[in-house]
C-alpha atoms as a PDB file:
ATOM      1  CA  UNK A   1     -21.712 -10.267 -12.044  1.00  0.00           C
ATOM      2  CA  UNK A   2     -19.209 -12.242 -14.110  1.00  0.00           C
ATOM      3  CA  UNK A   3     -15.602 -11.235 -14.749  1.00  0.00           C
ATOM      4  CA  UNK A   4     -16.216  -9.927 -18.287  1.00  0.00           C
ATOM      5  CA  UNK A   5     -19.090  -7.701 -17.131  1.00  0.00           C
ATOM      6  CA  UNK A   6     -17.018  -6.393 -14.232  1.00  0.00           C
ATOM      7  CA  UNK A   7     -14.143  -5.461 -16.536  1.00  0.00           C
ATOM      8  CA  UNK A   8     -16.494  -3.773 -18.999  1.00  0.00           C
ATOM      9  CA  UNK A   9     -18.226  -1.758 -16.276  1.00  0.00           C
ATOM     10  CA  UNK A  10     -15.029  -0.541 -14.609  1.00  0.00           C
ATOM     11  CA  UNK A  11     -13.023   0.077 -17.795  1.00  0.00           C
ATOM     12  CA  UNK A  12      -9.838  -1.403 -16.359  1.00  0.00           C
ATOM     13  CA  UNK A  13      -6.735  -1.716 -18.490  1.00  0.00           C
ATOM     14  CA  UNK A  14      -4.296  -4.095 -16.849  1.00  0.00           C
ATOM     15  CA  UNK A  15      -0.637  -4.655 -17.604  1.00  0.00           C
ATOM     16  CA  UNK A  16       0.703  -6.966 -14.927  1.00  0.00           C
ATOM     17  CA  UNK A  17       4.190  -7.268 -16.407  1.00  0.00           C
ATOM     18  CA  UNK A  18       4.861  -3.577 -16.851  1.00  0.00           C
ATOM     19  CA  UNK A  19       7.353  -1.724 -14.690  1.00  0.00           C
ATOM     20  CA  UNK A  20       6.506   1.814 -15.785  1.00  0.00           C
ATOM     21  CA  UNK A  21       3.483   3.849 -16.838  1.00  0.00           C
ATOM     22  CA  UNK A  22       1.666   2.654 -19.945  1.00  0.00           C
ATOM     23  CA  UNK A  23       1.836   6.132 -21.474  1.00  0.00           C
ATOM     24  CA  UNK A  24       5.620   6.326 -21.243  1.00  0.00           C
ATOM     25  CA  UNK A  25       7.700   5.789 -24.366  1.00  0.00           C
ATOM     26  CA  UNK A  26      11.360   6.156 -25.233  1.00  0.00           C
ATOM     27  CA  UNK A  27      14.398   6.038 -22.937  1.00  0.00           C
ATOM     28  CA  UNK A  28      14.533   7.852 -19.601  1.00  0.00           C
ATOM     29  CA  UNK A  29      17.520  10.149 -19.939  1.00  0.00           C
ATOM     30  CA  UNK A  30      17.354  12.232 -16.773  1.00  0.00           C
ATOM     31  CA  UNK A  31      17.794  11.033 -13.217  1.00  0.00           C
ATOM     32  CA  UNK A  32      14.977  10.491 -10.715  1.00  0.00           C
ATOM     33  CA  UNK A  33      14.658  12.983  -7.874  1.00  0.00           C
ATOM     34  CA  UNK A  34      13.751  10.152  -5.466  1.00  0.00           C
ATOM     35  CA  UNK A  35      14.369   6.414  -5.245  1.00  0.00           C
ATOM     36  CA  UNK A  36      12.025   4.611  -2.873  1.00  0.00           C
ATOM     37  CA  UNK A  37      11.839   1.043  -1.619  1.00  0.00           C
ATOM     38  CA  UNK A  38       8.346  -0.417  -1.249  1.00  0.00           C
ATOM     39  CA  UNK A  39       8.163  -3.454   1.017  1.00  0.00           C
ATOM     40  CA  UNK A  40       4.870  -5.015   2.046  1.00  0.00           C
ATOM     41  CA  UNK A  41       3.361  -8.085   3.717  1.00  0.00           C
ATOM     42  CA  UNK A  42       6.457  -9.074   5.652  1.00  0.00           C
ATOM     43  CA  UNK A  43       4.379 -11.133   8.127  1.00  0.00           C
ATOM     44  CA  UNK A  44       7.391 -11.493  10.397  1.00  0.00           C
ATOM     45  CA  UNK A  45       7.268 -14.475  12.753  1.00  0.00           C
ATOM     46  CA  UNK A  46       9.365 -17.248  14.195  1.00  0.00           C
ATOM     47  CA  UNK A  47       9.723 -20.401  12.144  1.00  0.00           C
ATOM     48  CA  UNK A  48      10.954 -21.124   8.619  1.00  0.00           C
ATOM     49  CA  UNK A  49      13.991 -18.965   9.462  1.00  0.00           C
ATOM     50  CA  UNK A  50      11.817 -15.957   8.589  1.00  0.00           C
ATOM     51  CA  UNK A  51      13.754 -13.354  10.636  1.00  0.00           C
ATOM     52  CA  UNK A  52      17.112 -14.207   9.056  1.00  0.00           C
ATOM     53  CA  UNK A  53      15.588 -14.390   5.584  1.00  0.00           C
ATOM     54  CA  UNK A  54      13.964 -10.980   6.072  1.00  0.00           C
ATOM     55  CA  UNK A  55      17.277  -9.485   7.196  1.00  0.00           C
ATOM     56  CA  UNK A  56      18.939 -10.812   4.042  1.00  0.00           C
ATOM     57  CA  UNK A  57      16.138  -9.265   1.969  1.00  0.00           C
ATOM     58  CA  UNK A  58      16.641  -5.887   3.607  1.00  0.00           C
ATOM     59  CA  UNK A  59      20.367  -6.135   2.909  1.00  0.00           C
ATOM     60  CA  UNK A  60      19.541  -6.582  -0.787  1.00  0.00           C
ATOM     61  CA  UNK A  61      17.089  -3.665  -0.755  1.00  0.00           C
ATOM     62  CA  UNK A  62      19.696  -1.324   0.712  1.00  0.00           C
ATOM     63  CA  UNK A  63      22.034  -2.165  -2.194  1.00  0.00           C
ATOM     64  CA  UNK A  64      19.606  -0.225  -4.430  1.00  0.00           C
ATOM     65  CA  UNK A  65      20.349   2.900  -2.350  1.00  0.00           C
ATOM     66  CA  UNK A  66      16.780   4.037  -1.636  1.00  0.00           C
ATOM     67  CA  UNK A  67      16.160   7.469  -0.174  1.00  0.00           C
ATOM     68  CA  UNK A  68      13.610   5.953   2.228  1.00  0.00           C
ATOM     69  CA  UNK A  69      11.235   3.030   2.707  1.00  0.00           C
ATOM     70  CA  UNK A  70       7.485   2.707   2.280  1.00  0.00           C
ATOM     71  CA  UNK A  71       6.078  -0.218   4.251  1.00  0.00           C
ATOM     72  CA  UNK A  72       2.684  -1.381   3.010  1.00  0.00           C
ATOM     73  CA  UNK A  73       1.447  -3.157   6.131  1.00  0.00           C
ATOM     74  CA  UNK A  74       1.011  -6.649   7.545  1.00  0.00           C
ATOM     75  CA  UNK A  75       4.398  -6.045   9.082  1.00  0.00           C
ATOM     76  CA  UNK A  76       3.784  -8.790  11.627  1.00  0.00           C
ATOM     77  CA  UNK A  77       2.382 -12.229  10.994  1.00  0.00           C
ATOM     78  CA  UNK A  78      -1.212 -12.265  12.278  1.00  0.00           C
ATOM     79  CA  UNK A  79      -2.112 -10.401  15.459  1.00  0.00           C
ATOM     80  CA  UNK A  80      -5.738 -10.022  14.397  1.00  0.00           C
ATOM     81  CA  UNK A  81      -6.973 -13.552  15.103  1.00  0.00           C
ATOM     82  CA  UNK A  82      -9.159 -13.961  18.187  1.00  0.00           C
ATOM     83  CA  UNK A  83      -6.907 -16.585  19.805  1.00  0.00           C
ATOM     84  CA  UNK A  84      -3.671 -14.536  19.621  1.00  0.00           C
ATOM     85  CA  UNK A  85      -2.250 -13.835  23.069  1.00  0.00           C
ATOM     86  CA  UNK A  86      -0.546 -10.649  24.199  1.00  0.00           C
ATOM     87  CA  UNK A  87       2.747 -12.509  24.438  1.00  0.00           C
ATOM     88  CA  UNK A  88       2.485 -13.781  20.858  1.00  0.00           C
ATOM     89  CA  UNK A  89       1.642 -10.334  19.529  1.00  0.00           C
ATOM     90  CA  UNK A  90       4.493  -8.701  21.449  1.00  0.00           C
ATOM     91  CA  UNK A  91       6.843 -11.406  20.160  1.00  0.00           C
ATOM     92  CA  UNK A  92       5.965 -10.474  16.582  1.00  0.00           C
ATOM     93  CA  UNK A  93       6.688  -6.797  17.219  1.00  0.00           C
ATOM     94  CA  UNK A  94       9.973  -7.656  18.950  1.00  0.00           C
ATOM     95  CA  UNK A  95      11.066  -9.518  15.817  1.00  0.00           C
ATOM     96  CA  UNK A  96      10.002  -6.581  13.639  1.00  0.00           C
ATOM     97  CA  UNK A  97      12.114  -4.190  15.724  1.00  0.00           C
ATOM     98  CA  UNK A  98      15.119  -6.509  15.689  1.00  0.00           C
ATOM     99  CA  UNK A  99      15.004  -7.029  11.927  1.00  0.00           C
ATOM    100  CA  UNK A 100      14.457  -3.391  10.968  1.00  0.00           C
ATOM    101  CA  UNK A 101      17.193  -2.200  13.335  1.00  0.00           C
ATOM    102  CA  UNK A 102      19.600  -2.693  10.422  1.00  0.00           C
ATOM    103  CA  UNK A 103      17.789   0.142   8.617  1.00  0.00           C
ATOM    104  CA  UNK A 104      19.063   2.704  11.105  1.00  0.00           C
ATOM    105  CA  UNK A 105      19.383   6.029   9.300  1.00  0.00           C
ATOM    106  CA  UNK A 106      16.499   5.286   6.903  1.00  0.00           C
ATOM    107  CA  UNK A 107      13.016   6.695   7.281  1.00  0.00           C
ATOM    108  CA  UNK A 108      10.310   4.005   7.220  1.00  0.00           C
ATOM    109  CA  UNK A 109       6.824   5.318   6.438  1.00  0.00           C
ATOM    110  CA  UNK A 110       4.283   2.593   7.173  1.00  0.00           C
ATOM    111  CA  UNK A 111       0.589   1.940   6.809  1.00  0.00           C
ATOM    112  CA  UNK A 112      -1.560  -0.436   8.834  1.00  0.00           C
ATOM    113  CA  UNK A 113      -2.323  -3.879   7.451  1.00  0.00           C
ATOM    114  CA  UNK A 114      -5.311  -5.978   8.430  1.00  0.00           C
ATOM    115  CA  UNK A 115      -3.119  -8.444  10.347  1.00  0.00           C
ATOM    116  CA  UNK A 116      -1.271  -5.796  12.408  1.00  0.00           C
ATOM    117  CA  UNK A 117      -3.876  -4.793  15.036  1.00  0.00           C
ATOM    118  CA  UNK A 118      -4.504  -6.947  18.102  1.00  0.00           C
ATOM    119  CA  UNK A 119      -8.249  -7.237  18.655  1.00  0.00           C
ATOM    120  CA  UNK A 120      -8.143  -9.976  21.346  1.00  0.00           C
ATOM    121  CA  UNK A 121      -7.233  -7.605  24.183  1.00  0.00           C
ATOM    122  CA  UNK A 122      -9.340  -7.962  27.358  1.00  0.00           C
ATOM    123  CA  UNK A 123     -11.043  -4.646  26.600  1.00  0.00           C
ATOM    124  CA  UNK A 124     -11.003  -1.773  24.133  1.00  0.00           C
ATOM    125  CA  UNK A 125      -9.403   0.337  26.856  1.00  0.00           C
ATOM    126  CA  UNK A 126      -6.296  -1.861  26.824  1.00  0.00           C
ATOM    127  CA  UNK A 127      -3.352   0.219  25.551  1.00  0.00           C
ATOM    128  CA  UNK A 128      -2.416  -2.510  23.080  1.00  0.00           C
ATOM    129  CA  UNK A 129      -5.883  -2.904  21.583  1.00  0.00           C
ATOM    130  CA  UNK A 130      -6.464  -2.153  17.904  1.00  0.00           C
ATOM    131  CA  UNK A 131      -4.920   0.296  15.504  1.00  0.00           C
ATOM    132  CA  UNK A 132      -3.620   2.909  17.960  1.00  0.00           C
ATOM    133  CA  UNK A 133      -1.019   0.471  19.248  1.00  0.00           C
ATOM    134  CA  UNK A 134       0.094  -0.327  15.687  1.00  0.00           C
ATOM    135  CA  UNK A 135       0.595   3.407  15.100  1.00  0.00           C
ATOM    136  CA  UNK A 136       2.772   3.483  18.213  1.00  0.00           C
ATOM    137  CA  UNK A 137       4.859   0.454  17.206  1.00  0.00           C
ATOM    138  CA  UNK A 138       5.371   1.663  13.635  1.00  0.00           C
ATOM    139  CA  UNK A 139       6.175   5.198  14.859  1.00  0.00           C
ATOM    140  CA  UNK A 140       3.775   6.895  12.434  1.00  0.00           C
ATOM    141  CA  UNK A 141       2.009  10.258  12.942  1.00  0.00           C
ATOM    142  CA  UNK A 142      -1.394   8.577  12.859  1.00  0.00           C
ATOM    143  CA  UNK A 143      -3.397   5.852  11.163  1.00  0.00           C
ATOM    144  CA  UNK A 144      -3.358   8.036   8.022  1.00  0.00           C
ATOM    145  CA  UNK A 145      -1.050  10.936   7.196  1.00  0.00           C
ATOM    146  CA  UNK A 146       0.897  12.722   4.459  1.00  0.00           C
ATOM    147  CA  UNK A 147       4.338  14.226   3.943  1.00  0.00           C
ATOM    148  CA  UNK A 148       6.443  15.954   1.275  1.00  0.00           C
ATOM    149  CA  UNK A 149       9.753  15.009  -0.329  1.00  0.00           C
ATOM    150  CA  UNK A 150      11.066  17.222  -3.129  1.00  0.00           C
ATOM    151  CA  UNK A 151       8.057  18.052  -5.326  1.00  0.00           C
ATOM    152  CA  UNK A 152       6.321  14.783  -4.452  1.00  0.00           C
ATOM    153  CA  UNK A 153       3.511  14.460  -1.909  1.00  0.00           C
ATOM    154  CA  UNK A 154       3.065  11.097  -0.174  1.00  0.00           C
ATOM    155  CA  UNK A 155      -0.267  10.015   1.272  1.00  0.00           C
ATOM    156  CA  UNK A 156      -0.573   6.978   3.542  1.00  0.00           C
ATOM    157  CA  UNK A 157      -4.119   5.657   3.956  1.00  0.00           C
ATOM    158  CA  UNK A 158      -5.951   3.391   6.398  1.00  0.00           C
ATOM    159  CA  UNK A 159      -8.369   1.096   4.567  1.00  0.00           C
ATOM    160  CA  UNK A 160      -9.076  -1.012   7.661  1.00  0.00           C
ATOM    161  CA  UNK A 161     -12.644   0.167   7.990  1.00  0.00           C
ATOM    162  CA  UNK A 162     -16.079  -1.156   7.075  1.00  0.00           C
ATOM    163  CA  UNK A 163     -15.992  -3.037   3.749  1.00  0.00           C
ATOM    164  CA  UNK A 164     -12.335  -2.011   3.216  1.00  0.00           C
ATOM    165  CA  UNK A 165     -12.755   1.709   2.709  1.00  0.00           C
ATOM    166  CA  UNK A 166     -11.826   5.137   3.998  1.00  0.00           C
ATOM    167  CA  UNK A 167     -14.026   6.284   6.859  1.00  0.00           C
ATOM    168  CA  UNK A 168     -15.744   9.625   6.240  1.00  0.00           C
ATOM    169  CA  UNK A 169     -13.359  11.587   8.451  1.00  0.00           C
ATOM    170  CA  UNK A 170     -10.384  10.218   6.549  1.00  0.00           C
ATOM    171  CA  UNK A 171     -11.984  10.815   3.150  1.00  0.00           C
ATOM    172  CA  UNK A 172     -12.715  14.457   3.975  1.00  0.00           C
ATOM    173  CA  UNK A 173      -9.123  14.849   5.159  1.00  0.00           C
ATOM    174  CA  UNK A 174      -7.881  13.362   1.880  1.00  0.00           C
ATOM    175  CA  UNK A 175     -10.063  15.722  -0.167  1.00  0.00           C
ATOM    176  CA  UNK A 176      -8.640  18.711   1.695  1.00  0.00           C
ATOM    177  CA  UNK A 177      -5.085  17.377   1.576  1.00  0.00           C
ATOM    178  CA  UNK A 178      -5.130  17.025  -2.220  1.00  0.00           C
ATOM    179  CA  UNK A 179      -6.925  20.343  -2.755  1.00  0.00           C
ATOM    180  CA  UNK A 180      -4.256  22.227  -0.813  1.00  0.00           C
ATOM    181  CA  UNK A 181      -1.364  21.088  -3.016  1.00  0.00           C
ATOM    182  CA  UNK A 182       0.409  23.659  -5.169  1.00  0.00           C
ATOM    183  CA  UNK A 183       0.624  23.233  -8.963  1.00  0.00           C
ATOM    184  CA  UNK A 184       3.608  21.133  -9.993  1.00  0.00           C
ATOM    185  CA  UNK A 185       3.226  18.815  -6.998  1.00  0.00           C
ATOM    186  CA  UNK A 186       2.806  15.123  -7.771  1.00  0.00           C
ATOM    187  CA  UNK A 187       1.156  12.533  -5.551  1.00  0.00           C
ATOM    188  CA  UNK A 188       1.929   8.961  -4.540  1.00  0.00           C
ATOM    189  CA  UNK A 189      -0.687   7.247  -2.380  1.00  0.00           C
ATOM    190  CA  UNK A 190      -0.222   4.030  -0.417  1.00  0.00           C
ATOM    191  CA  UNK A 191      -2.900   1.796   1.060  1.00  0.00           C
ATOM    192  CA  UNK A 192      -2.515  -1.732   2.319  1.00  0.00           C
ATOM    193  CA  UNK A 193      -5.321  -2.791  -0.027  1.00  0.00           C
ATOM    194  CA  UNK A 194      -5.516  -2.382  -3.823  1.00  0.00           C
ATOM    195  CA  UNK A 195      -7.780   0.449  -4.969  1.00  0.00           C
ATOM    196  CA  UNK A 196      -7.996  -0.787  -8.566  1.00  0.00           C
ATOM    197  CA  UNK A 197      -6.453  -3.796 -10.264  1.00  0.00           C
ATOM    198  CA  UNK A 198      -6.718  -7.425 -11.266  1.00  0.00           C
ATOM    199  CA  UNK A 199      -5.633  -9.045  -8.016  1.00  0.00           C
ATOM    200  CA  UNK A 200      -8.952  -8.785  -6.114  1.00  0.00           C
ATOM    201  CA  UNK A 201     -10.339 -11.246  -8.660  1.00  0.00           C
ATOM    202  CA  UNK A 202      -7.451 -13.679  -8.134  1.00  0.00           C
ATOM    203  CA  UNK A 203      -7.102 -13.741  -4.346  1.00  0.00           C
ATOM    204  CA  UNK A 204      -9.672 -13.743  -1.594  1.00  0.00           C
ATOM    205  CA  UNK A 205      -8.373 -10.698   0.251  1.00  0.00           C
ATOM    206  CA  UNK A 206     -10.177  -8.190  -1.922  1.00  0.00           C
ATOM    207  CA  UNK A 207      -9.574  -4.491  -2.409  1.00  0.00           C
ATOM    208  CA  UNK A 208     -11.139  -1.135  -1.602  1.00  0.00           C
ATOM    209  CA  UNK A 209     -14.934  -1.148  -1.858  1.00  0.00           C
ATOM    210  CA  UNK A 210     -14.847   2.647  -2.337  1.00  0.00           C
ATOM    211  CA  UNK A 211     -12.718   2.360  -5.485  1.00  0.00           C
ATOM    212  CA  UNK A 212     -15.157   4.366  -7.614  1.00  0.00           C
ATOM    213  CA  UNK A 213     -15.301   7.223  -5.094  1.00  0.00           C
ATOM    214  CA  UNK A 214     -11.517   7.336  -4.924  1.00  0.00           C
ATOM    215  CA  UNK A 215     -11.159   7.025  -8.707  1.00  0.00           C
ATOM    216  CA  UNK A 216     -13.392  10.090  -9.113  1.00  0.00           C
ATOM    217  CA  UNK A 217     -11.354  12.063  -6.588  1.00  0.00           C
ATOM    218  CA  UNK A 218      -8.102  11.151  -8.324  1.00  0.00           C
ATOM    219  CA  UNK A 219      -9.550  12.207 -11.673  1.00  0.00           C
ATOM    220  CA  UNK A 220     -10.440  15.579 -10.180  1.00  0.00           C
ATOM    221  CA  UNK A 221      -6.757  15.940  -9.276  1.00  0.00           C
ATOM    222  CA  UNK A 222      -5.421  14.210 -12.400  1.00  0.00           C
ATOM    223  CA  UNK A 223      -2.758  16.894 -12.793  1.00  0.00           C
ATOM    224  CA  UNK A 224      -1.243  15.666  -9.514  1.00  0.00           C
ATOM    225  CA  UNK A 225      -2.126  12.030  -8.703  1.00  0.00           C
ATOM    226  CA  UNK A 226       0.318   9.662 -10.396  1.00  0.00           C
ATOM    227  CA  UNK A 227       0.467   6.337  -8.546  1.00  0.00           C
ATOM    228  CA  UNK A 228      -1.272   4.249  -5.880  1.00  0.00           C
ATOM    229  CA  UNK A 229       0.749   1.524  -4.158  1.00  0.00           C
ATOM    230  CA  UNK A 230      -0.672  -1.465  -2.349  1.00  0.00           C
ATOM    231  CA  UNK A 231       0.029  -4.996  -1.182  1.00  0.00           C
ATOM    232  CA  UNK A 232      -2.266  -7.341   0.777  1.00  0.00           C
ATOM    233  CA  UNK A 233      -2.816  -9.773  -2.084  1.00  0.00           C
ATOM    234  CA  UNK A 234       0.724 -11.224  -2.196  1.00  0.00           C
ATOM    235  CA  UNK A 235       0.326 -10.843  -5.982  1.00  0.00           C
ATOM    236  CA  UNK A 236       2.079  -8.438  -8.338  1.00  0.00           C
ATOM    237  CA  UNK A 237      -0.096  -6.390 -10.689  1.00  0.00           C
ATOM    238  CA  UNK A 238       0.210  -3.123 -12.613  1.00  0.00           C
ATOM    239  CA  UNK A 239      -2.969  -1.379 -13.757  1.00  0.00           C
ATOM    240  CA  UNK A 240      -3.111   1.977 -15.533  1.00  0.00           C
ATOM    241  CA  UNK A 241      -6.391   3.896 -15.491  1.00  0.00           C
ATOM    242  CA  UNK A 242      -7.010   7.579 -16.269  1.00  0.00           C
ATOM    243  CA  UNK A 243      -3.276   8.223 -16.142  1.00  0.00           C
ATOM    244  CA  UNK A 244      -2.881   6.823 -12.627  1.00  0.00           C
ATOM    245  CA  UNK A 245      -0.763   3.737 -12.031  1.00  0.00           C
ATOM    246  CA  UNK A 246      -2.148   1.214  -9.540  1.00  0.00           C
ATOM    247  CA  UNK A 247       0.752  -0.995  -8.482  1.00  0.00           C
ATOM    248  CA  UNK A 248       0.011  -3.931  -6.220  1.00  0.00           C
ATOM    249  CA  UNK A 249       3.427  -5.299  -5.368  1.00  0.00           C
ATOM    250  CA  UNK A 250       4.131  -8.826  -4.206  1.00  0.00           C
ATOM    251  CA  UNK A 251       4.813  -9.843  -0.624  1.00  0.00           C
ATOM    252  CA  UNK A 252       8.231  -9.842   0.966  1.00  0.00           C
ATOM    253  CA  UNK A 253       7.090 -13.069   2.669  1.00  0.00           C
ATOM    254  CA  UNK A 254       5.827 -14.657  -0.566  1.00  0.00           C
ATOM    255  CA  UNK A 255       3.760 -17.589   0.654  1.00  0.00           C
ATOM    256  CA  UNK A 256       3.998 -16.317   4.257  1.00  0.00           C
ATOM    257  CA  UNK A 257       7.605 -17.610   4.357  1.00  0.00           C
ATOM    258  CA  UNK A 258       6.279 -21.105   3.594  1.00  0.00           C
ATOM    259  CA  UNK A 259       6.928 -23.457   0.690  1.00  0.00           C
ATOM    260  CA  UNK A 260       3.657 -22.777  -1.100  1.00  0.00           C
ATOM    261  CA  UNK A 261       0.645 -24.829  -2.113  1.00  0.00           C
ATOM    262  CA  UNK A 262      -0.872 -26.453  -5.205  1.00  0.00           C
ATOM    263  CA  UNK A 263      -1.330 -23.043  -6.864  1.00  0.00           C
ATOM    264  CA  UNK A 264       2.282 -21.971  -6.304  1.00  0.00           C
ATOM    265  CA  UNK A 265       4.243 -22.247  -9.563  1.00  0.00           C
ATOM    266  CA  UNK A 266       7.537 -22.446  -7.649  1.00  0.00           C
ATOM    267  CA  UNK A 267       8.674 -22.733  -4.017  1.00  0.00           C
ATOM    268  CA  UNK A 268       7.773 -19.725  -1.841  1.00  0.00           C
ATOM    269  CA  UNK A 269       5.590 -18.199  -4.579  1.00  0.00           C
ATOM    270  CA  UNK A 270       1.979 -17.152  -4.064  1.00  0.00           C
ATOM    271  CA  UNK A 271       0.323 -18.341  -7.248  1.00  0.00           C
ATOM    272  CA  UNK A 272       2.574 -16.895 -10.006  1.00  0.00           C
ATOM    273  CA  UNK A 273       4.172 -14.124  -7.921  1.00  0.00           C
ATOM    274  CA  UNK A 274       7.591 -14.633  -6.340  1.00  0.00           C
ATOM    275  CA  UNK A 275       8.456 -13.039  -2.990  1.00  0.00           C
ATOM    276  CA  UNK A 276      10.100  -9.676  -3.413  1.00  0.00           C
ATOM    277  CA  UNK A 277      10.046  -5.906  -3.104  1.00  0.00           C
ATOM    278  CA  UNK A 278       9.712  -2.919  -5.421  1.00  0.00           C
ATOM    279  CA  UNK A 279      11.947   0.023  -6.200  1.00  0.00           C
ATOM    280  CA  UNK A 280      10.324   3.219  -7.407  1.00  0.00           C
ATOM    281  CA  UNK A 281      11.953   5.993  -9.370  1.00  0.00           C
ATOM    282  CA  UNK A 282      10.164   9.344  -9.116  1.00  0.00           C
ATOM    283  CA  UNK A 283      10.957  12.175 -11.523  1.00  0.00           C
ATOM    284  CA  UNK A 284      10.530  15.923 -11.169  1.00  0.00           C
ATOM    285  CA  UNK A 285       8.028  16.030 -14.061  1.00  0.00           C
ATOM    286  CA  UNK A 286       5.683  13.481 -12.482  1.00  0.00           C
ATOM    287  CA  UNK A 287       6.922  10.322 -14.190  1.00  0.00           C
ATOM    288  CA  UNK A 288       7.229   7.274 -11.966  1.00  0.00           C
ATOM    289  CA  UNK A 289       8.570   3.779 -12.611  1.00  0.00           C
ATOM    290  CA  UNK A 290       7.735   0.851 -10.328  1.00  0.00           C
ATOM    291  CA  UNK A 291      10.100  -2.123 -10.706  1.00  0.00           C
ATOM    292  CA  UNK A 292       9.448  -5.370  -8.857  1.00  0.00           C
ATOM    293  CA  UNK A 293      12.497  -7.317  -7.665  1.00  0.00           C
ATOM    294  CA  UNK A 294      11.999 -10.968  -6.699  1.00  0.00           C
ATOM    295  CA  UNK A 295      14.289 -12.153  -3.907  1.00  0.00           C
ATOM    296  CA  UNK A 296      15.932 -15.570  -3.576  1.00  0.00           C
ATOM    297  CA  UNK A 297      15.461 -16.210   0.135  1.00  0.00           C
END
């Protein structure tokens, strides 16, 4: 199927340069009830002065005075490759802990990226094998979970399953989780992978294969679901569909902390997207604004 047919069949409306919902007009006069920092694809590692650069980035994020952090996954560089040793993987996590120590006092709610789990353990019984160890290192309640802040409900998903999707157990949990919400509650969802958007066509990483199933569920709860955050692609994109914003924010690491390649329009960029982070403003009436901030490190 070619690109034009795919766009026609999915009905996507994309607005990559937008920082707020397409339906919003006029000035925002009232104050948000929450300000959230979204960081993703840090890929922390030694080399290229990545740890010090990441610390400087976090210092800049804190200047925006977020209420808490959402971390979109791929926190560490690449533990998933078959030749990665235990020592290398543990070294990545040590760097992650050292860098994020400066965020003491802030909650960090994380999801699992495809590069976070270590699959090269001697056996599946090894305590460091797979996603359970990532959950332990990121100090999350589970591989997927939800929580409330003010009148906003936050859902963190695990798309690291067959064909990039929610497993059936997780999908049934999500159905029940959304159905149980009281009227006047608004929902922000975060997955490592884009659910809808332009970036899966521009980068090889791809997005959720169950996008249509999730789109239908969100439409059922269209009075509540407002925004889906993602990363993975290292590209920044804003898509609005059925009143839901799908914001794929760029990578904190840009071109994996490297200089770039022939497609990079400037040093450290991945294609046209600079390294950076996003700040979100959430309002009591369900409005949400996602603003991407490039960093200079």
